[in-house]
Full PDB file with SEQRES, HELIX, SHEET, SSBOND, CRYST1, ORIGX, SCALE, CONECT and MASTER records, all heavy atoms in Angstrom:
SEQRES   1 A   36  ARG VAL ALA PRO LEU SER THR ALA GLY PHE LEU GLY LEU          
SEQRES   2 A   36  SER VAL LEU ALA GLY LEU SER PRO VAL GLY ALA ALA TRP          
SEQRES   3 A   36  LEU THR LYS LEU VAL LEU ASP GLY LEU THR                      
HELIX    1 AA1 PRO A    4  LEU A   35  1                                  32    
CRYST1    1.000    1.000    1.000  90.00  90.00  90.00 P 1           1          
ORIGX1      1.000000  0.000000  0.000000        0.00000                         
ORIGX2      0.000000  1.000000  0.000000        0.00000                         
ORIGX3      0.000000  0.000000  1.000000        0.00000                         
SCALE1      1.000000  0.000000  0.000000        0.00000                         
SCALE2      0.000000  1.000000  0.000000        0.00000                         
SCALE3      0.000000  0.000000  1.000000        0.00000                         
ATOM      1  N   ARG A   1      58.502 141.058 153.491  1.00  0.00           N  
ATOM      2  CA  ARG A   1      59.475 140.491 154.256  1.00  0.00           C  
ATOM      3  C   ARG A   1      59.703 141.061 155.628  1.00  0.00           C  
ATOM      4  O   ARG A   1      59.739 140.365 156.635  1.00  0.00           O  
ATOM      5  CB  ARG A   1      60.803 140.667 153.555  1.00  0.00           C  
ATOM      6  CG  ARG A   1      61.994 139.824 154.068  1.00  0.00           C  
ATOM      7  CD  ARG A   1      63.165 139.937 153.295  1.00  0.00           C  
ATOM      8  NE  ARG A   1      63.656 141.348 153.106  1.00  0.00           N  
ATOM      9  CZ  ARG A   1      63.697 141.993 151.866  1.00  0.00           C  
ATOM     10  NH1 ARG A   1      63.177 141.417 150.857  1.00  0.00           N  
ATOM     11  NH2 ARG A   1      64.110 143.190 151.841  1.00  0.00           N  
ATOM     12  N   VAL A   2      59.576 142.375 155.756  1.00  0.00           N  
ATOM     13  CA  VAL A   2      59.661 143.104 157.021  1.00  0.00           C  
ATOM     14  C   VAL A   2      58.443 142.831 157.957  1.00  0.00           C  
ATOM     15  O   VAL A   2      58.665 142.734 159.193  1.00  0.00           O  
ATOM     16  CB  VAL A   2      60.104 144.472 156.857  1.00  0.00           C  
ATOM     17  CG1 VAL A   2      60.139 145.269 158.182  1.00  0.00           C  
ATOM     18  CG2 VAL A   2      61.415 144.655 156.150  1.00  0.00           C  
ATOM     19  N   ALA A   3      57.197 143.050 157.519  1.00  0.00           N  
ATOM     20  CA  ALA A   3      56.071 143.065 158.274  1.00  0.00           C  
ATOM     21  C   ALA A   3      54.948 142.319 157.495  1.00  0.00           C  
ATOM     22  O   ALA A   3      53.940 142.894 157.040  1.00  0.00           O  
ATOM     23  CB  ALA A   3      55.694 144.561 158.495  1.00  0.00           C  
ATOM     24  N   PRO A   4      55.088 140.954 157.500  1.00  0.00           N  
ATOM     25  CA  PRO A   4      53.947 140.261 156.705  1.00  0.00           C  
ATOM     26  C   PRO A   4      52.648 140.309 157.306  1.00  0.00           C  
ATOM     27  O   PRO A   4      51.653 140.427 156.604  1.00  0.00           O  
ATOM     28  CB  PRO A   4      54.623 138.808 156.673  1.00  0.00           C  
ATOM     29  CG  PRO A   4      55.527 138.654 157.750  1.00  0.00           C  
ATOM     30  CD  PRO A   4      56.083 140.051 158.088  1.00  0.00           C  
ATOM     31  N   LEU A   5      52.645 140.194 158.673  1.00  0.00           N  
ATOM     32  CA  LEU A   5      51.265 140.315 159.361  1.00  0.00           C  
ATOM     33  C   LEU A   5      50.574 141.651 159.279  1.00  0.00           C  
ATOM     34  O   LEU A   5      49.445 141.736 158.988  1.00  0.00           O  
ATOM     35  CB  LEU A   5      51.348 139.837 160.833  1.00  0.00           C  
ATOM     36  CG  LEU A   5      51.627 138.402 161.037  1.00  0.00           C  
ATOM     37  CD1 LEU A   5      51.921 138.161 162.572  1.00  0.00           C  
ATOM     38  CD2 LEU A   5      50.648 137.444 160.462  1.00  0.00           C  
ATOM     39  N   SER A   6      51.425 142.660 159.295  1.00  0.00           N  
ATOM     40  CA  SER A   6      50.812 144.034 159.281  1.00  0.00           C  
ATOM     41  C   SER A   6      50.344 144.274 157.794  1.00  0.00           C  
ATOM     42  O   SER A   6      49.407 144.971 157.591  1.00  0.00           O  
ATOM     43  CB  SER A   6      51.968 145.054 159.541  1.00  0.00           C  
ATOM     44  OG  SER A   6      52.210 145.016 161.023  1.00  0.00           O  
ATOM     45  N   THR A   7      51.143 143.758 156.880  1.00  0.00           N  
ATOM     46  CA  THR A   7      50.752 143.961 155.481  1.00  0.00           C  
ATOM     47  C   THR A   7      49.441 143.165 155.234  1.00  0.00           C  
ATOM     48  O   THR A   7      48.587 143.717 154.515  1.00  0.00           O  
ATOM     49  CB  THR A   7      51.763 143.378 154.412  1.00  0.00           C  
ATOM     50  OG1 THR A   7      53.070 144.002 154.827  1.00  0.00           O  
ATOM     51  CG2 THR A   7      51.478 143.579 153.071  1.00  0.00           C  
ATOM     52  N   ALA A   8      49.368 141.871 155.579  1.00  0.00           N  
ATOM     53  CA  ALA A   8      48.111 141.236 155.475  1.00  0.00           C  
ATOM     54  C   ALA A   8      46.867 141.951 156.162  1.00  0.00           C  
ATOM     55  O   ALA A   8      45.817 141.952 155.673  1.00  0.00           O  
ATOM     56  CB  ALA A   8      48.334 139.807 155.967  1.00  0.00           C  
ATOM     57  N   GLY A   9      47.189 142.315 157.338  1.00  0.00           N  
ATOM     58  CA  GLY A   9      46.187 143.044 158.110  1.00  0.00           C  
ATOM     59  C   GLY A   9      45.631 144.334 157.408  1.00  0.00           C  
ATOM     60  O   GLY A   9      44.544 144.598 157.345  1.00  0.00           O  
ATOM     61  N   PHE A  10      46.640 145.042 156.939  1.00  0.00           N  
ATOM     62  CA  PHE A  10      46.365 146.288 156.150  1.00  0.00           C  
ATOM     63  C   PHE A  10      45.364 146.012 154.896  1.00  0.00           C  
ATOM     64  O   PHE A  10      44.495 146.645 154.644  1.00  0.00           O  
ATOM     65  CB  PHE A  10      47.547 147.009 155.822  1.00  0.00           C  
ATOM     66  CG  PHE A  10      47.393 148.277 154.991  1.00  0.00           C  
ATOM     67  CD1 PHE A  10      46.921 149.394 155.483  1.00  0.00           C  
ATOM     68  CD2 PHE A  10      47.524 148.346 153.614  1.00  0.00           C  
ATOM     69  CE1 PHE A  10      46.637 150.610 154.883  1.00  0.00           C  
ATOM     70  CE2 PHE A  10      47.293 149.435 152.810  1.00  0.00           C  
ATOM     71  CZ  PHE A  10      46.925 150.584 153.497  1.00  0.00           C  
ATOM     72  N   LEU A  11      45.851 144.944 154.164  1.00  0.00           N  
ATOM     73  CA  LEU A  11      45.086 144.578 152.988  1.00  0.00           C  
ATOM     74  C   LEU A  11      43.713 144.152 153.406  1.00  0.00           C  
ATOM     75  O   LEU A  11      42.630 144.545 152.711  1.00  0.00           O  
ATOM     76  CB  LEU A  11      45.869 143.643 152.117  1.00  0.00           C  
ATOM     77  CG  LEU A  11      47.023 144.064 151.521  1.00  0.00           C  
ATOM     78  CD1 LEU A  11      47.826 142.898 150.857  1.00  0.00           C  
ATOM     79  CD2 LEU A  11      46.849 145.090 150.390  1.00  0.00           C  
ATOM     80  N   GLY A  12      43.621 143.215 154.386  1.00  0.00           N  
ATOM     81  CA  GLY A  12      42.363 142.742 154.795  1.00  0.00           C  
ATOM     82  C   GLY A  12      41.419 143.775 155.325  1.00  0.00           C  
ATOM     83  O   GLY A  12      40.219 143.864 155.032  1.00  0.00           O  
ATOM     84  N   LEU A  13      41.914 144.697 156.204  1.00  0.00           N  
ATOM     85  CA  LEU A  13      41.146 145.732 156.743  1.00  0.00           C  
ATOM     86  C   LEU A  13      40.669 146.698 155.551  1.00  0.00           C  
ATOM     87  O   LEU A  13      39.543 147.270 155.593  1.00  0.00           O  
ATOM     88  CB  LEU A  13      41.885 146.508 157.852  1.00  0.00           C  
ATOM     89  CG  LEU A  13      42.121 145.809 159.020  1.00  0.00           C  
ATOM     90  CD1 LEU A  13      43.085 146.576 159.925  1.00  0.00           C  
ATOM     91  CD2 LEU A  13      40.775 145.602 159.804  1.00  0.00           C  
ATOM     92  N   SER A  14      41.455 146.941 154.572  1.00  0.00           N  
ATOM     93  CA  SER A  14      41.188 147.909 153.447  1.00  0.00           C  
ATOM     94  C   SER A  14      39.902 147.170 152.738  1.00  0.00           C  
ATOM     95  O   SER A  14      39.099 147.846 152.240  1.00  0.00           O  
ATOM     96  CB  SER A  14      42.317 148.102 152.544  1.00  0.00           C  
ATOM     97  OG  SER A  14      43.271 148.752 153.309  1.00  0.00           O  
ATOM     98  N   VAL A  15      40.067 145.923 152.507  1.00  0.00           N  
ATOM     99  CA  VAL A  15      38.878 145.250 151.812  1.00  0.00           C  
ATOM    100  C   VAL A  15      37.665 145.401 152.510  1.00  0.00           C  
ATOM    101  O   VAL A  15      36.549 145.707 152.027  1.00  0.00           O  
ATOM    102  CB  VAL A  15      39.263 143.791 151.388  1.00  0.00           C  
ATOM    103  CG1 VAL A  15      38.042 142.974 150.930  1.00  0.00           C  
ATOM    104  CG2 VAL A  15      40.464 143.765 150.474  1.00  0.00           C  
ATOM    105  N   LEU A  16      37.661 145.016 153.846  1.00  0.00           N  
ATOM    106  CA  LEU A  16      36.529 145.193 154.699  1.00  0.00           C  
ATOM    107  C   LEU A  16      35.888 146.608 154.725  1.00  0.00           C  
ATOM    108  O   LEU A  16      34.741 146.816 154.767  1.00  0.00           O  
ATOM    109  CB  LEU A  16      36.804 144.713 156.163  1.00  0.00           C  
ATOM    110  CG  LEU A  16      37.074 143.315 156.343  1.00  0.00           C  
ATOM    111  CD1 LEU A  16      37.434 142.901 157.807  1.00  0.00           C  
ATOM    112  CD2 LEU A  16      35.829 142.464 155.955  1.00  0.00           C  
ATOM    113  N   ALA A  17      36.777 147.537 154.645  1.00  0.00           N  
ATOM    114  CA  ALA A  17      36.283 149.014 154.780  1.00  0.00           C  
ATOM    115  C   ALA A  17      35.720 149.299 153.434  1.00  0.00           C  
ATOM    116  O   ALA A  17      34.696 150.058 153.514  1.00  0.00           O  
ATOM    117  CB  ALA A  17      37.498 149.886 154.925  1.00  0.00           C  
ATOM    118  N   GLY A  18      36.141 148.661 152.332  1.00  0.00           N  
ATOM    119  CA  GLY A  18      35.353 148.989 151.086  1.00  0.00           C  
ATOM    120  C   GLY A  18      34.154 148.203 151.069  1.00  0.00           C  
ATOM    121  O   GLY A  18      33.132 148.646 150.334  1.00  0.00           O  
ATOM    122  N   LEU A  19      33.990 147.067 151.644  1.00  0.00           N  
ATOM    123  CA  LEU A  19      32.682 146.279 151.546  1.00  0.00           C  
ATOM    124  C   LEU A  19      31.725 146.750 152.621  1.00  0.00           C  
ATOM    125  O   LEU A  19      30.512 146.458 152.508  1.00  0.00           O  
ATOM    126  CB  LEU A  19      32.950 144.805 151.866  1.00  0.00           C  
ATOM    127  CG  LEU A  19      33.828 144.182 150.653  1.00  0.00           C  
ATOM    128  CD1 LEU A  19      34.128 142.672 151.037  1.00  0.00           C  
ATOM    129  CD2 LEU A  19      33.093 144.236 149.281  1.00  0.00           C  
ATOM    130  N   SER A  20      32.098 147.435 153.605  1.00  0.00           N  
ATOM    131  CA  SER A  20      31.189 147.927 154.711  1.00  0.00           C  
ATOM    132  C   SER A  20      30.045 148.728 154.234  1.00  0.00           C  
ATOM    133  O   SER A  20      28.918 148.403 154.646  1.00  0.00           O  
ATOM    134  CB  SER A  20      32.016 148.558 155.777  1.00  0.00           C  
ATOM    135  OG  SER A  20      31.217 149.047 156.822  1.00  0.00           O  
ATOM    136  N   PRO A  21      30.290 149.702 153.400  1.00  0.00           N  
ATOM    137  CA  PRO A  21      29.062 150.503 152.966  1.00  0.00           C  
ATOM    138  C   PRO A  21      28.131 149.606 152.099  1.00  0.00           C  
ATOM    139  O   PRO A  21      26.903 149.876 152.165  1.00  0.00           O  
ATOM    140  CB  PRO A  21      29.660 151.543 152.067  1.00  0.00           C  
ATOM    141  CG  PRO A  21      30.971 151.696 152.459  1.00  0.00           C  
ATOM    142  CD  PRO A  21      31.564 150.289 152.979  1.00  0.00           C  
ATOM    143  N   VAL A  22      28.644 148.696 151.366  1.00  0.00           N  
ATOM    144  CA  VAL A  22      27.835 147.811 150.527  1.00  0.00           C  
ATOM    145  C   VAL A  22      26.957 146.947 151.475  1.00  0.00           C  
ATOM    146  O   VAL A  22      25.658 146.745 151.200  1.00  0.00           O  
ATOM    147  CB  VAL A  22      28.665 147.024 149.469  1.00  0.00           C  
ATOM    148  CG1 VAL A  22      27.754 146.019 148.841  1.00  0.00           C  
ATOM    149  CG2 VAL A  22      29.377 147.848 148.638  1.00  0.00           C  
ATOM    150  N   GLY A  23      27.612 146.394 152.517  1.00  0.00           N  
ATOM    151  CA  GLY A  23      26.847 145.514 153.477  1.00  0.00           C  
ATOM    152  C   GLY A  23      25.771 146.316 154.208  1.00  0.00           C  
ATOM    153  O   GLY A  23      24.733 145.790 154.438  1.00  0.00           O  
ATOM    154  N   ALA A  24      26.160 147.535 154.551  1.00  0.00           N  
ATOM    155  CA  ALA A  24      25.150 148.452 155.262  1.00  0.00           C  
ATOM    156  C   ALA A  24      24.010 148.720 154.363  1.00  0.00           C  
ATOM    157  O   ALA A  24      22.796 148.647 154.837  1.00  0.00           O  
ATOM    158  CB  ALA A  24      25.853 149.722 155.700  1.00  0.00           C  
ATOM    159  N   ALA A  25      24.108 149.048 153.165  1.00  0.00           N  
ATOM    160  CA  ALA A  25      23.047 149.257 152.145  1.00  0.00           C  
ATOM    161  C   ALA A  25      22.110 148.038 152.033  1.00  0.00           C  
ATOM    162  O   ALA A  25      21.034 148.150 151.961  1.00  0.00           O  
ATOM    163  CB  ALA A  25      23.599 149.720 150.843  1.00  0.00           C  
ATOM    164  N   TRP A  26      22.795 146.854 151.819  1.00  0.00           N  
ATOM    165  CA  TRP A  26      22.082 145.674 151.658  1.00  0.00           C  
ATOM    166  C   TRP A  26      21.227 145.296 152.963  1.00  0.00           C  
ATOM    167  O   TRP A  26      20.186 144.908 152.819  1.00  0.00           O  
ATOM    168  CB  TRP A  26      23.089 144.480 151.329  1.00  0.00           C  
ATOM    169  CG  TRP A  26      22.465 143.226 151.091  1.00  0.00           C  
ATOM    170  CD1 TRP A  26      21.520 142.840 150.125  1.00  0.00           C  
ATOM    171  CD2 TRP A  26      22.631 142.098 151.870  1.00  0.00           C  
ATOM    172  NE1 TRP A  26      21.221 141.527 150.183  1.00  0.00           N  
ATOM    173  CE2 TRP A  26      21.786 141.066 151.328  1.00  0.00           C  
ATOM    174  CE3 TRP A  26      23.437 141.765 152.883  1.00  0.00           C  
ATOM    175  CZ2 TRP A  26      21.859 139.722 151.901  1.00  0.00           C  
ATOM    176  CZ3 TRP A  26      23.453 140.456 153.559  1.00  0.00           C  
ATOM    177  CH2 TRP A  26      22.635 139.556 153.016  1.00  0.00           C  
ATOM    178  N   LEU A  27      21.917 145.418 154.092  1.00  0.00           N  
ATOM    179  CA  LEU A  27      21.168 145.136 155.286  1.00  0.00           C  
ATOM    180  C   LEU A  27      20.095 146.151 155.624  1.00  0.00           C  
ATOM    181  O   LEU A  27      19.019 145.762 156.113  1.00  0.00           O  
ATOM    182  CB  LEU A  27      22.139 145.054 156.518  1.00  0.00           C  
ATOM    183  CG  LEU A  27      23.044 143.884 156.516  1.00  0.00           C  
ATOM    184  CD1 LEU A  27      24.106 144.138 157.631  1.00  0.00           C  
ATOM    185  CD2 LEU A  27      22.223 142.591 156.800  1.00  0.00           C  
ATOM    186  N   THR A  28      20.199 147.418 155.158  1.00  0.00           N  
ATOM    187  CA  THR A  28      19.197 148.365 155.298  1.00  0.00           C  
ATOM    188  C   THR A  28      17.994 147.993 154.453  1.00  0.00           C  
ATOM    189  O   THR A  28      16.833 148.094 154.911  1.00  0.00           O  
ATOM    190  CB  THR A  28      19.671 149.807 154.846  1.00  0.00           C  
ATOM    191  OG1 THR A  28      20.802 150.154 155.674  1.00  0.00           O  
ATOM    192  CG2 THR A  28      18.559 150.796 154.916  1.00  0.00           C  
ATOM    193  N   LYS A  29      18.209 147.566 153.287  1.00  0.00           N  
ATOM    194  CA  LYS A  29      17.239 147.103 152.389  1.00  0.00           C  
ATOM    195  C   LYS A  29      16.431 145.946 153.068  1.00  0.00           C  
ATOM    196  O   LYS A  29      15.134 145.889 153.011  1.00  0.00           O  
ATOM    197  CB  LYS A  29      17.682 146.756 150.970  1.00  0.00           C  
ATOM    198  CG  LYS A  29      16.595 146.223 150.026  1.00  0.00           C  
ATOM    199  CD  LYS A  29      17.076 144.861 149.474  1.00  0.00           C  
ATOM    200  CE  LYS A  29      16.075 144.326 148.442  1.00  0.00           C  
ATOM    201  NZ  LYS A  29      15.134 143.444 148.999  1.00  0.00           N  
ATOM    202  N   LEU A  30      17.135 144.975 153.623  1.00  0.00           N  
ATOM    203  CA  LEU A  30      16.517 143.870 154.163  1.00  0.00           C  
ATOM    204  C   LEU A  30      15.652 144.147 155.407  1.00  0.00           C  
ATOM    205  O   LEU A  30      14.604 143.695 155.655  1.00  0.00           O  
ATOM    206  CB  LEU A  30      17.511 142.825 154.582  1.00  0.00           C  
ATOM    207  CG  LEU A  30      18.199 141.976 153.355  1.00  0.00           C  
ATOM    208  CD1 LEU A  30      19.255 141.136 153.774  1.00  0.00           C  
ATOM    209  CD2 LEU A  30      17.241 141.365 152.530  1.00  0.00           C  
ATOM    210  N   VAL A  31      16.272 145.129 156.221  1.00  0.00           N  
ATOM    211  CA  VAL A  31      15.472 145.575 157.469  1.00  0.00           C  
ATOM    212  C   VAL A  31      14.235 146.296 156.986  1.00  0.00           C  
ATOM    213  O   VAL A  31      13.078 146.048 157.557  1.00  0.00           O  
ATOM    214  CB  VAL A  31      16.378 146.488 158.255  1.00  0.00           C  
ATOM    215  CG1 VAL A  31      15.558 147.219 159.375  1.00  0.00           C  
ATOM    216  CG2 VAL A  31      17.501 145.688 158.939  1.00  0.00           C  
ATOM    217  N   LEU A  32      14.330 147.133 155.982  1.00  0.00           N  
ATOM    218  CA  LEU A  32      13.086 147.878 155.456  1.00  0.00           C  
ATOM    219  C   LEU A  32      12.113 146.933 154.938  1.00  0.00           C  
ATOM    220  O   LEU A  32      10.873 146.968 155.229  1.00  0.00           O  
ATOM    221  CB  LEU A  32      13.469 148.901 154.516  1.00  0.00           C  
ATOM    222  CG  LEU A  32      14.246 150.050 155.141  1.00  0.00           C  
ATOM    223  CD1 LEU A  32      14.683 151.030 153.963  1.00  0.00           C  
ATOM    224  CD2 LEU A  32      13.354 150.777 156.060  1.00  0.00           C  
ATOM    225  N   ASP A  33      12.603 145.894 154.162  1.00  0.00           N  
ATOM    226  CA  ASP A  33      11.704 144.818 153.750  1.00  0.00           C  
ATOM    227  C   ASP A  33      10.990 144.067 154.845  1.00  0.00           C  
ATOM    228  O   ASP A  33       9.805 143.824 154.740  1.00  0.00           O  
ATOM    229  CB  ASP A  33      12.390 143.845 152.881  1.00  0.00           C  
ATOM    230  CG  ASP A  33      12.756 144.387 151.458  1.00  0.00           C  
ATOM    231  OD1 ASP A  33      12.191 145.531 151.117  1.00  0.00           O  
ATOM    232  OD2 ASP A  33      13.614 143.765 150.794  1.00  0.00           O  
ATOM    233  N   GLY A  34      11.753 143.925 156.008  1.00  0.00           N  
ATOM    234  CA  GLY A  34      11.154 143.146 157.091  1.00  0.00           C  
ATOM    235  C   GLY A  34      10.129 144.034 157.860  1.00  0.00           C  
ATOM    236  O   GLY A  34       9.201 143.490 158.480  1.00  0.00           O  
ATOM    237  N   LEU A  35      10.255 145.249 157.710  1.00  0.00           N  
ATOM    238  CA  LEU A  35       9.392 146.136 158.461  1.00  0.00           C  
ATOM    239  C   LEU A  35       8.035 146.340 157.723  1.00  0.00           C  
ATOM    240  O   LEU A  35       6.956 146.608 158.241  1.00  0.00           O  
ATOM    241  CB  LEU A  35      10.062 147.584 158.766  1.00  0.00           C  
ATOM    242  CG  LEU A  35      11.168 147.583 159.677  1.00  0.00           C  
ATOM    243  CD1 LEU A  35      11.801 149.022 159.693  1.00  0.00           C  
ATOM    244  CD2 LEU A  35      10.721 147.132 161.096  1.00  0.00           C  
ATOM    245  N   THR A  36       8.065 146.174 156.431  1.00  0.00           N  
ATOM    246  CA  THR A  36       6.886 146.386 155.657  1.00  0.00           C  
ATOM    247  C   THR A  36       6.073 145.120 155.606  1.00  0.00           C  
ATOM    248  O   THR A  36       4.899 145.121 155.189  1.00  0.00           O  
ATOM    249  CB  THR A  36       7.274 146.818 154.143  1.00  0.00           C  
ATOM    250  OG1 THR A  36       8.081 145.880 153.555  1.00  0.00           O  
ATOM    251  CG2 THR A  36       7.984 148.154 154.154  1.00  0.00           C  
TER     252      THR A  36                                                      
MASTER        0    0    0    1    0    0    0    6  251    1    0    3          
END                                                                             
């Protein structure tokens, strides 16, 4: 009620921060596959 945008931003950023290492690992695999 007090800060709906900040709450949504906090939740969204937290999800992105959790997915960031997974995306980095997946992209690293694809880059290495592309180099070979």
